[in-house]
Amino acid sequence: MAIITFTSDFGEKDHFVGATKGAIYSEMPDVKIVDISHFVSPFNILEAAYIIQNAYNSFPKGTIHIIGIDSEINEENKHIAIKLDGHYFICANNGIMSMICSEIAPEKIVEINIHDKIQTSFPVLDIFVKVACHIARGGTLEVVGKTIKEIKPIKHIMPFVNDDKTQIVGSVIYIDNYGNVVTNIKKSFFETIQKGRAFEISARNNKFKKIHNRYSDIVNFEIAEDKRHDEGKGLVVFNSGGFLEIAIYKSNSATIGSASTLMGLSLMDNVSVSFSTESILPRVE
């Protein structure tokens, strides 16, 4: 049974998600459709790229991923289908795939060219669904598009490193449901620059000198629970996707607050890491 995932910024109020799924089932009643998210911030390419990168490889090889973000076709926003890491991705060529492609080279990229056969103002429904079902039936990418070599890059995908390698300047690329703040600084990149040196992470007026393995590492379990007052404490971890994340322990924006609300951090805000000039043992805990 073919699996098609669906990610969009459509939300759930309107008919768009239901209509798209209905079109898929009309063509392939036995297909399995899995929603990844429909609450991507409108037209937020970087946020969608982060979600897709961290979700797709949990699915089996051969899965087809429809990404409905900023998908209106124009001269600067063509449609593409990509085979990468054994998966298929159908989306606009707006940079949304460049986060994954920066780490894994695509096996094949085609610019979709079936639009002359289908008049539409809703390309996710009328174009992406056709391409996804074609692939699900075993069809090749060359039938729906012409091969291209490169995709449009996304801005702010890589953090900046100064010439003497004493500072990384990254940016906030995602704020999750808990208000945790995710940066574009990956663990592998951090460790390559760190080289065993002590560090200080700065985000607005907040500073951290440790990176924890788990959120609960900030808790001193030797102290009685009613005397700890751990909720609301700030910390830094490398999250499950390997990205540097600033968090509040047991954060809740409605009660104790979150990293975003308490620290005043928003999308694209700078987060910097300054390294000592002396080589010592790492401070990642």
C-alpha atoms as a PDB file:
ATOM      1  CA  MET A   1       0.000   0.000   0.000  1.00  0.00           C
ATOM      2  CA  ALA A   2       1.378   3.401  -0.998  1.00  0.00           C
ATOM      3  CA  ILE A   3       1.819   6.057   1.708  1.00  0.00           C
ATOM      4  CA  ILE A   4       1.316   9.748   0.941  1.00  0.00           C
ATOM      5  CA  THR A   5       2.050  12.347   3.623  1.00  0.00           C
ATOM      6  CA  PHE A   6       0.555  15.799   3.538  1.00  0.00           C
ATOM      7  CA  THR A   7       2.017  18.979   5.024  1.00  0.00           C
ATOM      8  CA  SER A   8       0.556  22.451   4.507  1.00  0.00           C
ATOM      9  CA  ASP A   9      -0.224  25.853   5.977  1.00  0.00           C
ATOM     10  CA  PHE A  10      -3.939  25.347   5.257  1.00  0.00           C
ATOM     11  CA  GLY A  11      -5.101  24.925   8.856  1.00  0.00           C
ATOM     12  CA  GLU A  12      -8.309  23.001   9.491  1.00  0.00           C
ATOM     13  CA  LYS A  13     -11.011  25.666   9.181  1.00  0.00           C
ATOM     14  CA  ASP A  14     -11.227  25.654   5.396  1.00  0.00           C
ATOM     15  CA  HIS A  15     -11.973  22.910   2.898  1.00  0.00           C
ATOM     16  CA  PHE A  16      -8.466  22.665   1.415  1.00  0.00           C
ATOM     17  CA  VAL A  17      -7.145  19.699   3.395  1.00  0.00           C
ATOM     18  CA  GLY A  18     -10.317  17.655   3.033  1.00  0.00           C
ATOM     19  CA  ALA A  19     -10.640  18.395  -0.671  1.00  0.00           C
ATOM     20  CA  THR A  20      -7.021  17.375  -1.325  1.00  0.00           C
ATOM     21  CA  LYS A  21      -7.443  14.094   0.539  1.00  0.00           C
ATOM     22  CA  GLY A  22     -10.693  13.442  -1.283  1.00  0.00           C
ATOM     23  CA  ALA A  23      -8.967  13.929  -4.635  1.00  0.00           C
ATOM     24  CA  ILE A  24      -6.273  11.421  -3.652  1.00  0.00           C
ATOM     25  CA  TYR A  25      -8.829   8.826  -2.550  1.00  0.00           C
ATOM     26  CA  SER A  26     -10.811   9.366  -5.754  1.00  0.00           C
ATOM     27  CA  GLU A  27      -7.755   8.312  -7.743  1.00  0.00           C
ATOM     28  CA  MET A  28      -6.404   5.690  -5.338  1.00  0.00           C
ATOM     29  CA  PRO A  29      -8.943   4.402  -2.783  1.00  0.00           C
ATOM     30  CA  ASP A  30      -6.419   2.073  -1.146  1.00  0.00           C
ATOM     31  CA  VAL A  31      -3.683   4.625  -0.504  1.00  0.00           C
ATOM     32  CA  LYS A  32      -2.719   5.586   3.057  1.00  0.00           C
ATOM     33  CA  ILE A  33      -2.673   9.348   3.747  1.00  0.00           C
ATOM     34  CA  VAL A  34      -0.808  10.650   6.802  1.00  0.00           C
ATOM     35  CA  ASP A  35      -1.027  14.270   7.955  1.00  0.00           C
ATOM     36  CA  ILE A  36       2.298  15.643   9.184  1.00  0.00           C
ATOM     37  CA  SER A  37       1.069  19.174   9.950  1.00  0.00           C
ATOM     38  CA  HIS A  38      -1.400  21.695   8.577  1.00  0.00           C
ATOM     39  CA  PHE A  39      -0.466  24.423  11.038  1.00  0.00           C
ATOM     40  CA  VAL A  40       2.747  25.650   9.453  1.00  0.00           C
ATOM     41  CA  SER A  41       2.755  29.447   9.733  1.00  0.00           C
ATOM     42  CA  PRO A  42       1.409  30.864   6.451  1.00  0.00           C
ATOM     43  CA  PHE A  43       4.077  30.934   3.723  1.00  0.00           C
ATOM     44  CA  ASN A  44       6.815  30.120   6.249  1.00  0.00           C
ATOM     45  CA  ILE A  45       9.293  28.169   4.128  1.00  0.00           C
ATOM     46  CA  LEU A  46      11.917  27.770   6.853  1.00  0.00           C
ATOM     47  CA  GLU A  47       9.405  26.422   9.382  1.00  0.00           C
ATOM     48  CA  ALA A  48       8.022  23.936   6.870  1.00  0.00           C
ATOM     49  CA  ALA A  49      11.535  22.824   5.884  1.00  0.00           C
ATOM     50  CA  TYR A  50      12.354  22.087   9.537  1.00  0.00           C
ATOM     51  CA  ILE A  51       9.165  20.059  10.029  1.00  0.00           C
ATOM     52  CA  ILE A  52       9.673  18.012   6.870  1.00  0.00           C
ATOM     53  CA  GLN A  53      13.326  17.305   7.586  1.00  0.00           C
ATOM     54  CA  ASN A  54      12.507  15.942  11.014  1.00  0.00           C
ATOM     55  CA  ALA A  55       9.471  13.910   9.956  1.00  0.00           C
ATOM     56  CA  TYR A  56      10.109  12.298   6.584  1.00  0.00           C
ATOM     57  CA  ASN A  57      12.691   9.668   7.568  1.00  0.00           C
ATOM     58  CA  SER A  58      10.327   8.121  10.117  1.00  0.00           C
ATOM     59  CA  PHE A  59       8.354   6.814   7.147  1.00  0.00           C
ATOM     60  CA  PRO A  60       9.339   3.803   5.023  1.00  0.00           C
ATOM     61  CA  LYS A  61      11.288   4.202   1.810  1.00  0.00           C
ATOM     62  CA  GLY A  62       9.048   4.934  -1.143  1.00  0.00           C
ATOM     63  CA  THR A  63       6.776   7.282   0.815  1.00  0.00           C
ATOM     64  CA  ILE A  64       5.485  10.265  -1.183  1.00  0.00           C
ATOM     65  CA  HIS A  65       5.407  13.643   0.565  1.00  0.00           C
ATOM     66  CA  ILE A  66       3.085  16.425  -0.640  1.00  0.00           C
ATOM     67  CA  ILE A  67       4.135  19.836   0.700  1.00  0.00           C
ATOM     68  CA  GLY A  68       1.534  22.554   0.181  1.00  0.00           C
ATOM     69  CA  ILE A  69       3.371  25.724   1.205  1.00  0.00           C
ATOM     70  CA  ASP A  70       3.522  28.786  -1.089  1.00  0.00           C
ATOM     71  CA  SER A  71       2.547  26.566  -4.003  1.00  0.00           C
ATOM     72  CA  GLU A  72       0.992  29.043  -6.417  1.00  0.00           C
ATOM     73  CA  ILE A  73       2.934  28.689  -9.655  1.00  0.00           C
ATOM     74  CA  ASN A  74       4.608  31.683 -11.296  1.00  0.00           C
ATOM     75  CA  GLU A  75       7.852  32.464 -13.111  1.00  0.00           C
ATOM     76  CA  GLU A  76       9.810  32.491  -9.851  1.00  0.00           C
ATOM     77  CA  ASN A  77       7.968  29.631  -8.156  1.00  0.00           C
ATOM     78  CA  LYS A  78       7.909  26.516 -10.327  1.00  0.00           C
ATOM     79  CA  HIS A  79       6.778  23.086  -9.125  1.00  0.00           C
ATOM     80  CA  ILE A  80       9.213  20.226  -8.594  1.00  0.00           C
ATOM     81  CA  ALA A  81       9.278  16.546  -7.701  1.00  0.00           C
ATOM     82  CA  ILE A  82      12.370  15.138  -6.029  1.00  0.00           C
ATOM     83  CA  LYS A  83      13.575  11.644  -5.257  1.00  0.00           C
ATOM     84  CA  LEU A  84      15.863  11.819  -2.230  1.00  0.00           C
ATOM     85  CA  ASP A  85      16.949   9.226   0.326  1.00  0.00           C
ATOM     86  CA  GLY A  86      14.451   6.777  -1.164  1.00  0.00           C
ATOM     87  CA  HIS A  87      11.541   9.188  -0.662  1.00  0.00           C
ATOM     88  CA  TYR A  88       9.578  11.386  -3.075  1.00  0.00           C
ATOM     89  CA  PHE A  89       8.786  15.047  -2.415  1.00  0.00           C
ATOM     90  CA  ILE A  90       6.318  17.191  -4.384  1.00  0.00           C
ATOM     91  CA  CYS A  91       6.370  20.925  -3.691  1.00  0.00           C
ATOM     92  CA  ALA A  92       7.139  24.368  -5.037  1.00  0.00           C
ATOM     93  CA  ASN A  93      10.744  25.207  -5.884  1.00  0.00           C
ATOM     94  CA  ASN A  94      10.862  27.921  -3.231  1.00  0.00           C
ATOM     95  CA  GLY A  95      13.734  26.691  -1.063  1.00  0.00           C
ATOM     96  CA  ILE A  96      11.621  24.361   1.036  1.00  0.00           C
ATOM     97  CA  MET A  97      13.780  21.322   0.162  1.00  0.00           C
ATOM     98  CA  SER A  98      17.170  22.983   0.535  1.00  0.00           C
ATOM     99  CA  MET A  99      17.503  22.141   4.248  1.00  0.00           C
ATOM    100  CA  ILE A 100      17.308  18.412   3.490  1.00  0.00           C
ATOM    101  CA  CYS A 101      19.315  18.725   0.271  1.00  0.00           C
ATOM    102  CA  SER A 102      22.142  20.477   2.126  1.00  0.00           C
ATOM    103  CA  GLU A 103      22.813  17.173   3.922  1.00  0.00           C
ATOM    104  CA  ILE A 104      21.629  14.540   1.413  1.00  0.00           C
ATOM    105  CA  ALA A 105      22.094  14.845  -2.342  1.00  0.00           C
ATOM    106  CA  PRO A 106      18.902  14.281  -4.368  1.00  0.00           C
ATOM    107  CA  GLU A 107      18.836  11.213  -6.602  1.00  0.00           C
ATOM    108  CA  LYS A 108      16.670  13.018  -9.168  1.00  0.00           C
ATOM    109  CA  ILE A 109      14.900  16.377  -9.559  1.00  0.00           C
ATOM    110  CA  VAL A 110      12.300  17.240 -12.168  1.00  0.00           C
ATOM    111  CA  GLU A 111      10.471  20.478 -12.849  1.00  0.00           C
ATOM    112  CA  ILE A 112       6.826  19.462 -13.220  1.00  0.00           C
ATOM    113  CA  ASN A 113       5.459  20.340 -16.666  1.00  0.00           C
ATOM    114  CA  ILE A 114       1.932  18.900 -16.811  1.00  0.00           C
ATOM    115  CA  HIS A 115       0.283  22.281 -16.173  1.00  0.00           C
ATOM    116  CA  ASP A 116      -0.649  22.782 -19.821  1.00  0.00           C
ATOM    117  CA  LYS A 117      -2.959  19.784 -19.521  1.00  0.00           C
ATOM    118  CA  ILE A 118      -4.581  20.958 -16.257  1.00  0.00           C
ATOM    119  CA  GLN A 119      -5.996  24.447 -15.654  1.00  0.00           C
ATOM    120  CA  THR A 120      -6.013  25.175 -11.924  1.00  0.00           C
ATOM    121  CA  SER A 121      -5.954  27.839  -9.244  1.00  0.00           C
ATOM    122  CA  PHE A 122      -5.379  25.168  -6.575  1.00  0.00           C
ATOM    123  CA  PRO A 123      -2.180  23.371  -7.625  1.00  0.00           C
ATOM    124  CA  VAL A 124      -1.891  21.205  -4.512  1.00  0.00           C
ATOM    125  CA  LEU A 125      -5.272  19.667  -5.342  1.00  0.00           C
ATOM    126  CA  ASP A 126      -4.956  19.470  -9.110  1.00  0.00           C
ATOM    127  CA  ILE A 127      -1.214  19.113  -9.809  1.00  0.00           C
ATOM    128  CA  PHE A 128       0.469  17.701  -6.705  1.00  0.00           C
ATOM    129  CA  VAL A 129      -2.225  15.041  -6.280  1.00  0.00           C
ATOM    130  CA  LYS A 130      -1.848  13.919  -9.914  1.00  0.00           C
ATOM    131  CA  VAL A 131       1.923  13.634  -9.544  1.00  0.00           C
ATOM    132  CA  ALA A 132       1.706  11.844  -6.191  1.00  0.00           C
ATOM    133  CA  CYS A 133      -0.748   9.265  -7.514  1.00  0.00           C
ATOM    134  CA  HIS A 134       1.358   8.769 -10.645  1.00  0.00           C
ATOM    135  CA  ILE A 135       4.387   7.967  -8.472  1.00  0.00           C
ATOM    136  CA  ALA A 136       2.281   5.758  -6.182  1.00  0.00           C
ATOM    137  CA  ARG A 137       1.291   3.666  -9.208  1.00  0.00           C
ATOM    138  CA  GLY A 138       4.957   3.105 -10.012  1.00  0.00           C
ATOM    139  CA  GLY A 139       5.332   5.928 -12.552  1.00  0.00           C
ATOM    140  CA  THR A 140       8.655   7.651 -13.166  1.00  0.00           C
ATOM    141  CA  LEU A 141       9.440  11.305 -12.547  1.00  0.00           C
ATOM    142  CA  GLU A 142      10.477  11.883 -16.175  1.00  0.00           C
ATOM    143  CA  VAL A 143       6.849  11.427 -17.275  1.00  0.00           C
ATOM    144  CA  VAL A 144       5.663  14.446 -15.236  1.00  0.00           C
ATOM    145  CA  GLY A 145       8.631  16.766 -15.606  1.00  0.00           C
ATOM    146  CA  LYS A 146      11.963  17.672 -17.138  1.00  0.00           C
ATOM    147  CA  THR A 147      15.165  16.877 -15.263  1.00  0.00           C
ATOM    148  CA  ILE A 148      16.939  19.803 -13.580  1.00  0.00           C
ATOM    149  CA  LYS A 149      20.169  19.849 -11.596  1.00  0.00           C
ATOM    150  CA  GLU A 150      19.586  22.380  -8.847  1.00  0.00           C
ATOM    151  CA  ILE A 151      16.843  23.732  -6.620  1.00  0.00           C
ATOM    152  CA  LYS A 152      16.338  27.209  -5.232  1.00  0.00           C
ATOM    153  CA  PRO A 153      18.333  27.743  -2.010  1.00  0.00           C
ATOM    154  CA  ILE A 154      16.747  28.943   1.200  1.00  0.00           C
ATOM    155  CA  LYS A 155      18.054  31.968   3.055  1.00  0.00           C
ATOM    156  CA  HIS A 156      19.422  31.738   6.595  1.00  0.00           C
ATOM    157  CA  ILE A 157      19.836  27.964   6.404  1.00  0.00           C
ATOM    158  CA  MET A 158      23.438  27.982   7.640  1.00  0.00           C
ATOM    159  CA  PRO A 159      24.781  29.806  10.712  1.00  0.00           C
ATOM    160  CA  PHE A 160      27.654  32.287  10.378  1.00  0.00           C
ATOM    161  CA  VAL A 161      31.129  31.569  11.789  1.00  0.00           C
ATOM    162  CA  ASN A 162      33.708  34.336  12.190  1.00  0.00           C
ATOM    163  CA  ASP A 163      37.201  34.027  10.697  1.00  0.00           C
ATOM    164  CA  ASP A 164      39.007  32.996  13.888  1.00  0.00           C
ATOM    165  CA  LYS A 165      36.304  30.411  14.740  1.00  0.00           C
ATOM    166  CA  THR A 166      35.513  31.957  18.126  1.00  0.00           C
ATOM    167  CA  GLN A 167      31.835  32.638  17.454  1.00  0.00           C
ATOM    168  CA  ILE A 168      28.826  31.073  15.759  1.00  0.00           C
ATOM    169  CA  VAL A 169      25.876  33.314  14.981  1.00  0.00           C
ATOM    170  CA  GLY A 170      22.724  31.352  14.261  1.00  0.00           C
ATOM    171  CA  SER A 171      19.066  32.251  14.077  1.00  0.00           C
ATOM    172  CA  VAL A 172      15.733  31.005  15.371  1.00  0.00           C
ATOM    173  CA  ILE A 173      14.102  28.910  12.652  1.00  0.00           C
ATOM    174  CA  TYR A 174      11.228  27.295  14.540  1.00  0.00           C
ATOM    175  CA  ILE A 175       9.143  27.706  17.698  1.00  0.00           C
ATOM    176  CA  ASP A 176       7.408  24.497  18.699  1.00  0.00           C
ATOM    177  CA  ASN A 177       4.075  23.861  20.393  1.00  0.00           C
ATOM    178  CA  TYR A 178       5.691  24.249  23.833  1.00  0.00           C
ATOM    179  CA  GLY A 179       7.263  27.586  22.929  1.00  0.00           C
ATOM    180  CA  ASN A 180      10.727  26.031  22.760  1.00  0.00           C
ATOM    181  CA  VAL A 181      13.035  27.945  20.440  1.00  0.00           C
ATOM    182  CA  VAL A 182      14.901  25.938  17.779  1.00  0.00           C
ATOM    183  CA  THR A 183      17.960  27.391  16.057  1.00  0.00           C
ATOM    184  CA  ASN A 184      19.715  26.483  12.804  1.00  0.00           C
ATOM    185  CA  ILE A 185      22.830  25.371  14.735  1.00  0.00           C
ATOM    186  CA  LYS A 186      23.157  21.597  14.440  1.00  0.00           C
ATOM    187  CA  LYS A 187      25.085  19.475  16.926  1.00  0.00           C
ATOM    188  CA  SER A 188      27.578  18.210  14.333  1.00  0.00           C
ATOM    189  CA  PHE A 189      28.310  21.768  13.183  1.00  0.00           C
ATOM    190  CA  PHE A 190      28.624  23.017  16.783  1.00  0.00           C
ATOM    191  CA  GLU A 191      31.090  20.294  17.734  1.00  0.00           C
ATOM    192  CA  THR A 192      33.195  20.877  14.618  1.00  0.00           C
ATOM    193  CA  ILE A 193      33.702  24.515  15.601  1.00  0.00           C
ATOM    194  CA  GLN A 194      33.885  23.930  19.363  1.00  0.00           C
ATOM    195  CA  LYS A 195      36.881  21.553  19.375  1.00  0.00           C
ATOM    196  CA  GLY A 196      36.696  20.966  23.132  1.00  0.00           C
ATOM    197  CA  ARG A 197      36.439  24.608  24.175  1.00  0.00           C
ATOM    198  CA  ALA A 198      34.182  26.126  26.825  1.00  0.00           C
ATOM    199  CA  PHE A 199      31.329  28.201  25.412  1.00  0.00           C
ATOM    200  CA  GLU A 200      28.622  30.691  26.236  1.00  0.00           C
ATOM    201  CA  ILE A 201      25.308  30.766  24.392  1.00  0.00           C
ATOM    202  CA  SER A 202      23.593  34.151  24.179  1.00  0.00           C
ATOM    203  CA  ALA A 203      20.011  34.871  23.188  1.00  0.00           C
ATOM    204  CA  ARG A 204      18.979  38.467  23.875  1.00  0.00           C
ATOM    205  CA  ASN A 205      19.812  38.924  27.573  1.00  0.00           C
ATOM    206  CA  ASN A 206      19.884  35.193  28.355  1.00  0.00           C
ATOM    207  CA  LYS A 207      23.163  33.302  28.670  1.00  0.00           C
ATOM    208  CA  PHE A 208      23.903  29.579  29.045  1.00  0.00           C
ATOM    209  CA  LYS A 209      27.173  27.720  29.580  1.00  0.00           C
ATOM    210  CA  LYS A 210      25.859  24.154  29.496  1.00  0.00           C
ATOM    211  CA  ILE A 211      24.007  22.013  26.993  1.00  0.00           C
ATOM    212  CA  HIS A 212      21.976  19.214  28.556  1.00  0.00           C
ATOM    213  CA  ASN A 213      21.219  15.809  27.079  1.00  0.00           C
ATOM    214  CA  ARG A 214      17.606  15.866  28.337  1.00  0.00           C
ATOM    215  CA  TYR A 215      15.200  18.516  29.564  1.00  0.00           C
ATOM    216  CA  SER A 216      15.005  16.851  32.984  1.00  0.00           C
ATOM    217  CA  ASP A 217      18.784  17.056  33.470  1.00  0.00           C
ATOM    218  CA  ILE A 218      18.187  20.473  34.981  1.00  0.00           C
ATOM    219  CA  VAL A 219      16.313  18.870  37.896  1.00  0.00           C
ATOM    220  CA  ASN A 220      18.137  18.006  41.136  1.00  0.00           C
ATOM    221  CA  PHE A 221      16.227  14.875  42.102  1.00  0.00           C
ATOM    222  CA  GLU A 222      17.998  14.765  45.470  1.00  0.00           C
ATOM    223  CA  ILE A 223      15.829  17.670  46.605  1.00  0.00           C
ATOM    224  CA  ALA A 224      12.239  16.976  47.644  1.00  0.00           C
ATOM    225  CA  GLU A 225       9.799  17.602  44.818  1.00  0.00           C
ATOM    226  CA  ASP A 226       7.812  20.271  46.691  1.00  0.00           C
ATOM    227  CA  LYS A 227      11.001  22.293  47.263  1.00  0.00           C
ATOM    228  CA  ARG A 228      12.591  22.175  43.795  1.00  0.00           C
ATOM    229  CA  HIS A 229      10.672  24.813  41.840  1.00  0.00           C
ATOM    230  CA  ASP A 230      12.140  23.516  38.590  1.00  0.00           C
ATOM    231  CA  GLU A 231       9.285  24.546  36.327  1.00  0.00           C
ATOM    232  CA  GLY A 232      10.166  27.728  34.502  1.00  0.00           C
ATOM    233  CA  LYS A 233      13.930  27.210  34.504  1.00  0.00           C
ATOM    234  CA  GLY A 234      15.702  27.904  31.226  1.00  0.00           C
ATOM    235  CA  LEU A 235      17.980  25.346  29.605  1.00  0.00           C
ATOM    236  CA  VAL A 236      19.620  24.388  26.328  1.00  0.00           C
ATOM    237  CA  VAL A 237      19.534  20.964  24.640  1.00  0.00           C
ATOM    238  CA  PHE A 238      20.237  19.436  21.277  1.00  0.00           C
ATOM    239  CA  ASN A 239      16.748  18.269  20.363  1.00  0.00           C
ATOM    240  CA  SER A 240      15.736  15.010  18.708  1.00  0.00           C
ATOM    241  CA  GLY A 241      16.584  16.471  15.299  1.00  0.00           C
ATOM    242  CA  GLY A 242      20.063  17.480  16.446  1.00  0.00           C
ATOM    243  CA  PHE A 243      19.297  21.224  16.508  1.00  0.00           C
ATOM    244  CA  LEU A 244      20.344  23.556  19.320  1.00  0.00           C
ATOM    245  CA  GLU A 245      17.186  24.395  21.245  1.00  0.00           C
ATOM    246  CA  ILE A 246      16.520  26.866  24.041  1.00  0.00           C
ATOM    247  CA  ALA A 247      13.728  25.669  26.289  1.00  0.00           C
ATOM    248  CA  ILE A 248      11.899  26.214  29.548  1.00  0.00           C
ATOM    249  CA  TYR A 249      11.500  23.135  31.730  1.00  0.00           C
ATOM    250  CA  LYS A 250       7.853  21.989  31.542  1.00  0.00           C
ATOM    251  CA  SER A 251       7.011  25.158  29.631  1.00  0.00           C
ATOM    252  CA  ASN A 252       3.425  26.246  29.169  1.00  0.00           C
ATOM    253  CA  SER A 253       2.744  29.596  27.513  1.00  0.00           C
ATOM    254  CA  ALA A 254      -0.577  29.867  29.360  1.00  0.00           C
ATOM    255  CA  THR A 255       0.884  29.369  32.860  1.00  0.00           C
ATOM    256  CA  ILE A 256       4.609  29.478  33.605  1.00  0.00           C
ATOM    257  CA  GLY A 257       5.589  30.769  30.164  1.00  0.00           C
ATOM    258  CA  SER A 258       7.913  29.491  27.458  1.00  0.00           C
ATOM    259  CA  ALA A 259      11.341  30.226  26.037  1.00  0.00           C
ATOM    260  CA  SER A 260       9.712  32.333  23.362  1.00  0.00           C
ATOM    261  CA  THR A 261       7.532  34.389  25.709  1.00  0.00           C
ATOM    262  CA  LEU A 262       9.809  34.654  28.756  1.00  0.00           C
ATOM    263  CA  MET A 263      12.985  35.355  26.804  1.00  0.00           C
ATOM    264  CA  GLY A 264      11.390  37.457  24.116  1.00  0.00           C
ATOM    265  CA  LEU A 265      12.647  35.241  21.288  1.00  0.00           C
ATOM    266  CA  SER A 266      10.975  35.249  17.886  1.00  0.00           C
ATOM    267  CA  LEU A 267      11.599  33.694  14.490  1.00  0.00           C
ATOM    268  CA  MET A 268      14.859  34.841  12.873  1.00  0.00           C
ATOM    269  CA  ASP A 269      16.233  36.350  16.105  1.00  0.00           C
ATOM    270  CA  ASN A 270      19.977  35.831  16.482  1.00  0.00           C
ATOM    271  CA  VAL A 271      21.404  33.228  18.860  1.00  0.00           C
ATOM    272  CA  SER A 272      25.189  33.306  19.256  1.00  0.00           C
ATOM    273  CA  VAL A 273      27.769  30.919  20.679  1.00  0.00           C
ATOM    274  CA  SER A 274      31.080  32.372  21.870  1.00  0.00           C
ATOM    275  CA  PHE A 275      34.009  30.000  22.419  1.00  0.00           C
ATOM    276  CA  SER A 276      36.941  30.289  24.777  1.00  0.00           C
ATOM    277  CA  THR A 277      40.359  30.728  23.169  1.00  0.00           C
ATOM    278  CA  GLU A 278      41.670  27.910  25.377  1.00  0.00           C
ATOM    279  CA  SER A 279      41.062  24.225  24.601  1.00  0.00           C
ATOM    280  CA  ILE A 280      39.433  22.406  27.528  1.00  0.00           C
ATOM    281  CA  LEU A 281      36.974  19.555  27.968  1.00  0.00           C
ATOM    282  CA  PRO A 282      33.555  20.082  26.369  1.00  0.00           C
ATOM    283  CA  ARG A 283      30.745  21.492  28.487  1.00  0.00           C
ATOM    284  CA  VAL A 284      28.010  19.494  26.833  1.00  0.00           C
ATOM    285  CA  GLU A 285      26.250  17.510  29.556  1.00  0.00           C
END
